[in-house]
Amino acid sequence: MTPHNELRLLPWSGPDGKPCFLSADDNAGYLSRLADNTESVQLGLGLELLDHALEVLSDEHADPHELRLLVTDLAGSLRDAVRVATSRGHRLAMSAPSSSKEHSKPPRWPAASN
């Protein structure tokens, strides 16, 4: 078993909506692979939804019901993406050397273009 601080946040919630975690010595085990595949599917669906959102938003006459449905879907996709990023960020932090000055500064992201 892995130490408590090395639990992996899984890309799904339990029946009560609480996060699920995996404690495993082997990152190539069945549940780890299932989580990797689920994350990949979630991110892929998010990209498809983003393309759809751009199409809908370009339509000046988009139906308010369609916009509401789109926002609901985008919120779910964003929740999934944040969970994947959180999980991967924790795993990167565990594998990064703790004494490296290079990792002490947060990354600088390019400005978004409109």
N, C-alpha and C. Protein backbone atom coordinates (compact mmCIF):
# COMPACT_ATOMS: atom_id res chain seq x y z
N MET A 1 0.83 -1.19 0.00
CA MET A 1 0.00 0.00 0.00
C MET A 1 0.88 1.25 0.00
N THR A 2 0.37 2.30 -0.58
CA THR A 2 1.10 3.56 -0.62
C THR A 2 0.82 4.37 0.64
N PRO A 3 1.73 5.28 1.00
CA PRO A 3 1.46 6.16 2.13
C PRO A 3 0.24 7.02 1.85
N HIS A 4 -0.39 7.55 2.91
CA HIS A 4 -1.63 8.31 2.78
C HIS A 4 -1.49 9.49 1.82
N ASN A 5 -0.34 10.17 1.82
CA ASN A 5 -0.20 11.35 0.96
C ASN A 5 0.00 10.97 -0.50
N GLU A 6 0.02 9.70 -0.82
CA GLU A 6 0.20 9.27 -2.20
C GLU A 6 -1.07 8.65 -2.77
N LEU A 7 -2.20 8.90 -2.15
CA LEU A 7 -3.46 8.39 -2.70
C LEU A 7 -3.77 9.12 -3.99
N ARG A 8 -4.28 8.40 -4.95
CA ARG A 8 -4.64 8.98 -6.24
C ARG A 8 -6.12 9.34 -6.25
N LEU A 9 -6.41 10.59 -6.58
CA LEU A 9 -7.79 11.02 -6.77
C LEU A 9 -8.30 10.42 -8.07
N LEU A 10 -9.38 9.67 -7.98
CA LEU A 10 -9.93 9.01 -9.16
C LEU A 10 -10.89 9.95 -9.90
N PRO A 11 -11.07 9.73 -11.20
CA PRO A 11 -11.89 10.65 -12.00
C PRO A 11 -13.40 10.41 -11.90
N TRP A 12 -13.84 9.85 -10.80
CA TRP A 12 -15.27 9.67 -10.58
C TRP A 12 -15.54 9.85 -9.09
N SER A 13 -16.80 10.07 -8.77
CA SER A 13 -17.22 10.23 -7.38
C SER A 13 -17.89 8.96 -6.90
N GLY A 14 -17.97 8.84 -5.58
CA GLY A 14 -18.70 7.73 -4.99
C GLY A 14 -20.20 7.99 -5.07
N PRO A 15 -21.00 7.03 -4.63
CA PRO A 15 -22.46 7.19 -4.72
C PRO A 15 -22.99 8.39 -3.94
N ASP A 16 -22.26 8.82 -2.92
CA ASP A 16 -22.70 9.96 -2.12
C ASP A 16 -22.09 11.28 -2.61
N GLY A 17 -21.40 11.23 -3.76
CA GLY A 17 -20.82 12.43 -4.35
C GLY A 17 -19.45 12.79 -3.81
N LYS A 18 -18.94 12.01 -2.88
CA LYS A 18 -17.63 12.28 -2.30
C LYS A 18 -16.53 11.74 -3.22
N PRO A 19 -15.33 12.35 -3.17
CA PRO A 19 -14.24 11.88 -4.02
C PRO A 19 -13.84 10.44 -3.69
N CYS A 20 -13.35 9.76 -4.70
CA CYS A 20 -12.82 8.40 -4.55
C CYS A 20 -11.31 8.46 -4.71
N PHE A 21 -10.61 7.66 -3.93
CA PHE A 21 -9.16 7.61 -3.98
C PHE A 21 -8.70 6.18 -4.17
N LEU A 22 -7.50 6.04 -4.74
CA LEU A 22 -6.90 4.72 -4.96
C LEU A 22 -5.55 4.68 -4.27
N SER A 23 -5.33 3.64 -3.52
CA SER A 23 -4.05 3.39 -2.90
C SER A 23 -3.49 2.13 -3.53
N ALA A 24 -2.43 2.26 -4.30
CA ALA A 24 -1.86 1.10 -4.99
C ALA A 24 -0.37 1.29 -5.17
N ASP A 25 0.36 0.20 -5.09
CA ASP A 25 1.80 0.22 -5.33
C ASP A 25 2.12 0.22 -6.82
N ASP A 26 1.19 -0.29 -7.62
CA ASP A 26 1.44 -0.49 -9.04
C ASP A 26 0.58 0.48 -9.86
N ASN A 27 1.22 1.43 -10.55
CA ASN A 27 0.50 2.38 -11.40
C ASN A 27 -0.03 1.73 -12.67
N ALA A 28 0.34 0.48 -12.91
CA ALA A 28 -0.12 -0.22 -14.11
C ALA A 28 -1.22 -1.22 -13.78
N GLY A 29 -1.75 -1.16 -12.56
CA GLY A 29 -2.81 -2.07 -12.17
C GLY A 29 -4.12 -1.75 -12.88
N TYR A 30 -5.08 -2.64 -12.72
CA TYR A 30 -6.36 -2.51 -13.42
C TYR A 30 -7.05 -1.18 -13.12
N LEU A 31 -7.20 -0.82 -11.83
CA LEU A 31 -7.90 0.42 -11.50
C LEU A 31 -7.13 1.65 -11.95
N SER A 32 -5.81 1.61 -11.89
CA SER A 32 -5.01 2.74 -12.38
C SER A 32 -5.21 2.93 -13.88
N ARG A 33 -5.20 1.83 -14.62
CA ARG A 33 -5.43 1.91 -16.07
C ARG A 33 -6.84 2.38 -16.39
N LEU A 34 -7.82 1.89 -15.63
CA LEU A 34 -9.20 2.33 -15.81
C LEU A 34 -9.32 3.83 -15.55
N ALA A 35 -8.67 4.31 -14.50
CA ALA A 35 -8.70 5.74 -14.19
C ALA A 35 -8.02 6.55 -15.31
N ASP A 36 -6.87 6.06 -15.80
CA ASP A 36 -6.18 6.74 -16.91
C ASP A 36 -7.08 6.84 -18.13
N ASN A 37 -7.73 5.73 -18.47
CA ASN A 37 -8.62 5.71 -19.64
C ASN A 37 -9.83 6.62 -19.43
N THR A 38 -10.38 6.62 -18.23
CA THR A 38 -11.53 7.48 -17.94
C THR A 38 -11.15 8.95 -18.05
N GLU A 39 -9.98 9.30 -17.52
CA GLU A 39 -9.50 10.69 -17.64
C GLU A 39 -9.35 11.08 -19.11
N SER A 40 -8.79 10.19 -19.89
CA SER A 40 -8.59 10.46 -21.32
C SER A 40 -9.93 10.69 -22.02
N VAL A 41 -10.91 9.85 -21.72
CA VAL A 41 -12.24 10.01 -22.32
C VAL A 41 -12.87 11.33 -21.87
N GLN A 42 -12.77 11.64 -20.57
CA GLN A 42 -13.36 12.88 -20.07
C GLN A 42 -12.74 14.10 -20.76
N LEU A 43 -11.43 14.12 -20.90
CA LEU A 43 -10.78 15.26 -21.55
C LEU A 43 -11.14 15.33 -23.03
N GLY A 44 -11.24 14.19 -23.70
CA GLY A 44 -11.65 14.17 -25.10
C GLY A 44 -13.06 14.68 -25.30
N LEU A 45 -13.96 14.27 -24.41
CA LEU A 45 -15.34 14.77 -24.49
C LEU A 45 -15.38 16.27 -24.22
N GLY A 46 -14.53 16.73 -23.32
CA GLY A 46 -14.46 18.16 -23.04
C GLY A 46 -14.04 18.96 -24.26
N LEU A 47 -13.09 18.44 -25.03
CA LEU A 47 -12.67 19.11 -26.27
C LEU A 47 -13.80 19.16 -27.29
N GLU A 48 -14.52 18.05 -27.41
CA GLU A 48 -15.67 18.02 -28.33
C GLU A 48 -16.73 19.01 -27.89
N LEU A 49 -16.98 19.09 -26.60
CA LEU A 49 -17.98 20.02 -26.07
C LEU A 49 -17.55 21.46 -26.29
N LEU A 50 -16.26 21.72 -26.15
CA LEU A 50 -15.75 23.07 -26.41
C LEU A 50 -16.00 23.47 -27.86
N ASP A 51 -15.74 22.58 -28.79
CA ASP A 51 -16.02 22.86 -30.21
C ASP A 51 -17.50 23.15 -30.42
N HIS A 52 -18.35 22.35 -29.79
CA HIS A 52 -19.80 22.56 -29.91
C HIS A 52 -20.20 23.91 -29.31
N ALA A 53 -19.61 24.25 -28.18
CA ALA A 53 -19.93 25.53 -27.52
C ALA A 53 -19.57 26.70 -28.43
N LEU A 54 -18.44 26.62 -29.09
CA LEU A 54 -18.03 27.70 -29.99
C LEU A 54 -19.02 27.83 -31.15
N GLU A 55 -19.51 26.71 -31.64
CA GLU A 55 -20.53 26.75 -32.71
C GLU A 55 -21.81 27.41 -32.23
N VAL A 56 -22.28 26.99 -31.06
CA VAL A 56 -23.53 27.53 -30.52
C VAL A 56 -23.38 29.03 -30.24
N LEU A 57 -22.26 29.41 -29.67
CA LEU A 57 -22.06 30.83 -29.34
C LEU A 57 -21.92 31.72 -30.57
N SER A 58 -21.55 31.14 -31.68
CA SER A 58 -21.44 31.94 -32.91
C SER A 58 -22.82 32.18 -33.55
N ASP A 59 -23.82 31.46 -33.08
CA ASP A 59 -25.18 31.60 -33.60
C ASP A 59 -25.92 32.69 -32.81
N GLU A 60 -26.17 33.81 -33.45
CA GLU A 60 -26.85 34.93 -32.77
C GLU A 60 -28.25 34.57 -32.31
N HIS A 61 -28.85 33.59 -32.94
CA HIS A 61 -30.23 33.22 -32.65
C HIS A 61 -30.32 31.91 -31.87
N ALA A 62 -29.29 31.60 -31.12
CA ALA A 62 -29.29 30.35 -30.35
C ALA A 62 -30.44 30.37 -29.34
N ASP A 63 -31.09 29.24 -29.25
CA ASP A 63 -32.23 29.06 -28.36
C ASP A 63 -31.77 29.13 -26.90
N PRO A 64 -32.47 29.87 -26.03
CA PRO A 64 -32.09 29.95 -24.62
C PRO A 64 -32.04 28.58 -23.93
N HIS A 65 -32.93 27.68 -24.32
CA HIS A 65 -32.91 26.33 -23.74
C HIS A 65 -31.61 25.61 -24.13
N GLU A 66 -31.20 25.77 -25.39
CA GLU A 66 -29.96 25.14 -25.84
C GLU A 66 -28.75 25.74 -25.12
N LEU A 67 -28.78 27.05 -24.90
CA LEU A 67 -27.68 27.70 -24.17
C LEU A 67 -27.61 27.20 -22.72
N ARG A 68 -28.77 27.04 -22.10
CA ARG A 68 -28.80 26.54 -20.72
C ARG A 68 -28.26 25.11 -20.66
N LEU A 69 -28.65 24.28 -21.59
CA LEU A 69 -28.15 22.91 -21.64
C LEU A 69 -26.63 22.91 -21.87
N LEU A 70 -26.18 23.79 -22.75
CA LEU A 70 -24.75 23.90 -23.02
C LEU A 70 -23.97 24.29 -21.77
N VAL A 71 -24.47 25.26 -21.04
CA VAL A 71 -23.79 25.71 -19.81
C VAL A 71 -23.76 24.57 -18.79
N THR A 72 -24.84 23.82 -18.69
CA THR A 72 -24.88 22.68 -17.77
C THR A 72 -23.82 21.65 -18.15
N ASP A 73 -23.74 21.34 -19.44
CA ASP A 73 -22.75 20.37 -19.92
C ASP A 73 -21.32 20.90 -19.72
N LEU A 74 -21.12 22.19 -19.99
CA LEU A 74 -19.79 22.78 -19.79
C LEU A 74 -19.37 22.73 -18.33
N ALA A 75 -20.31 22.99 -17.42
CA ALA A 75 -20.00 22.93 -15.99
C ALA A 75 -19.57 21.52 -15.58
N GLY A 76 -20.26 20.51 -16.08
CA GLY A 76 -19.87 19.13 -15.78
C GLY A 76 -18.51 18.79 -16.36
N SER A 77 -18.26 19.24 -17.57
CA SER A 77 -16.98 18.97 -18.20
C SER A 77 -15.84 19.70 -17.48
N LEU A 78 -16.11 20.91 -17.04
CA LEU A 78 -15.10 21.67 -16.29
C LEU A 78 -14.81 20.98 -14.96
N ARG A 79 -15.84 20.48 -14.30
CA ARG A 79 -15.66 19.74 -13.05
C ARG A 79 -14.74 18.54 -13.28
N ASP A 80 -14.98 17.80 -14.37
CA ASP A 80 -14.15 16.64 -14.69
C ASP A 80 -12.71 17.06 -14.97
N ALA A 81 -12.53 18.13 -15.74
CA ALA A 81 -11.19 18.58 -16.09
C ALA A 81 -10.42 19.04 -14.85
N VAL A 82 -11.10 19.73 -13.94
CA VAL A 82 -10.45 20.18 -12.70
C VAL A 82 -10.04 18.97 -11.86
N ARG A 83 -10.90 17.96 -11.81
CA ARG A 83 -10.56 16.76 -11.05
C ARG A 83 -9.35 16.06 -11.66
N VAL A 84 -9.29 15.96 -12.99
CA VAL A 84 -8.14 15.35 -13.66
C VAL A 84 -6.88 16.16 -13.38
N ALA A 85 -6.98 17.48 -13.50
CA ALA A 85 -5.82 18.34 -13.25
C ALA A 85 -5.34 18.23 -11.81
N THR A 86 -6.27 18.18 -10.88
CA THR A 86 -5.92 18.04 -9.47
C THR A 86 -5.20 16.72 -9.22
N SER A 87 -5.75 15.65 -9.77
CA SER A 87 -5.15 14.33 -9.60
C SER A 87 -3.74 14.29 -10.20
N ARG A 88 -3.62 14.79 -11.41
CA ARG A 88 -2.31 14.76 -12.08
C ARG A 88 -1.32 15.70 -11.40
N GLY A 89 -1.81 16.82 -10.92
CA GLY A 89 -0.94 17.75 -10.20
C GLY A 89 -0.38 17.14 -8.93
N HIS A 90 -1.21 16.42 -8.20
CA HIS A 90 -0.74 15.75 -6.98
C HIS A 90 0.31 14.70 -7.33
N ARG A 91 0.09 13.97 -8.40
CA ARG A 91 1.04 12.93 -8.78
C ARG A 91 2.35 13.54 -9.27
N LEU A 92 2.28 14.68 -9.95
CA LEU A 92 3.52 15.35 -10.38
C LEU A 92 4.29 15.87 -9.17
N ALA A 93 3.57 16.43 -8.21
CA ALA A 93 4.22 16.96 -7.01
C ALA A 93 4.93 15.86 -6.24
N MET A 94 4.35 14.66 -6.23
CA MET A 94 4.96 13.55 -5.51
C MET A 94 6.23 13.07 -6.20
N SER A 95 6.28 13.20 -7.53
CA SER A 95 7.44 12.69 -8.26
C SER A 95 8.51 13.75 -8.47
N ALA A 96 8.19 15.03 -8.21
CA ALA A 96 9.16 16.11 -8.43
C ALA A 96 10.14 16.18 -7.27
N PRO A 97 11.40 16.52 -7.57
CA PRO A 97 12.36 16.69 -6.49
C PRO A 97 11.97 17.89 -5.62
N SER A 98 11.94 17.71 -4.31
CA SER A 98 11.45 18.75 -3.41
C SER A 98 12.45 19.88 -3.21
N SER A 99 13.73 19.67 -3.49
CA SER A 99 14.72 20.70 -3.24
C SER A 99 15.03 21.55 -4.46
N SER A 100 14.40 21.28 -5.58
CA SER A 100 14.69 22.00 -6.81
C SER A 100 14.12 23.40 -6.78
N LYS A 101 14.97 24.41 -7.02
CA LYS A 101 14.51 25.80 -7.06
C LYS A 101 13.68 26.05 -8.31
N GLU A 102 13.91 25.27 -9.35
CA GLU A 102 13.17 25.44 -10.59
C GLU A 102 11.68 25.25 -10.39
N HIS A 103 11.29 24.40 -9.45
CA HIS A 103 9.88 24.10 -9.22
C HIS A 103 9.26 24.99 -8.16
N SER A 104 10.03 25.95 -7.63
CA SER A 104 9.48 26.78 -6.56
C SER A 104 8.61 27.90 -7.08
N LYS A 105 8.72 28.24 -8.35
CA LYS A 105 7.89 29.30 -8.93
C LYS A 105 6.73 28.68 -9.69
N PRO A 106 5.56 29.31 -9.60
CA PRO A 106 4.43 28.79 -10.38
C PRO A 106 4.67 29.00 -11.87
N PRO A 107 4.09 28.16 -12.71
CA PRO A 107 4.29 28.32 -14.16
C PRO A 107 3.63 29.60 -14.64
N ARG A 108 4.19 30.18 -15.68
CA ARG A 108 3.59 31.36 -16.30
C ARG A 108 2.90 30.92 -17.56
N TRP A 109 1.61 31.19 -17.62
CA TRP A 109 0.79 30.79 -18.76
C TRP A 109 0.66 31.94 -19.72
N PRO A 110 0.63 31.67 -21.02
CA PRO A 110 0.43 32.76 -21.98
C PRO A 110 -0.96 33.34 -21.81
N ALA A 111 -1.07 34.63 -22.15
CA ALA A 111 -2.37 35.30 -22.06
C ALA A 111 -3.32 34.70 -23.08
N ALA A 112 -4.57 34.59 -22.71
CA ALA A 112 -5.58 34.06 -23.63
C ALA A 112 -5.87 35.08 -24.71
N SER A 113 -6.05 34.62 -25.91
CA SER A 113 -6.39 35.52 -27.00
C SER A 113 -7.87 35.38 -27.32
N ASN A 114 -8.48 36.47 -27.70
CA ASN A 114 -9.91 36.45 -28.02
C ASN A 114 -10.14 36.36 -29.48
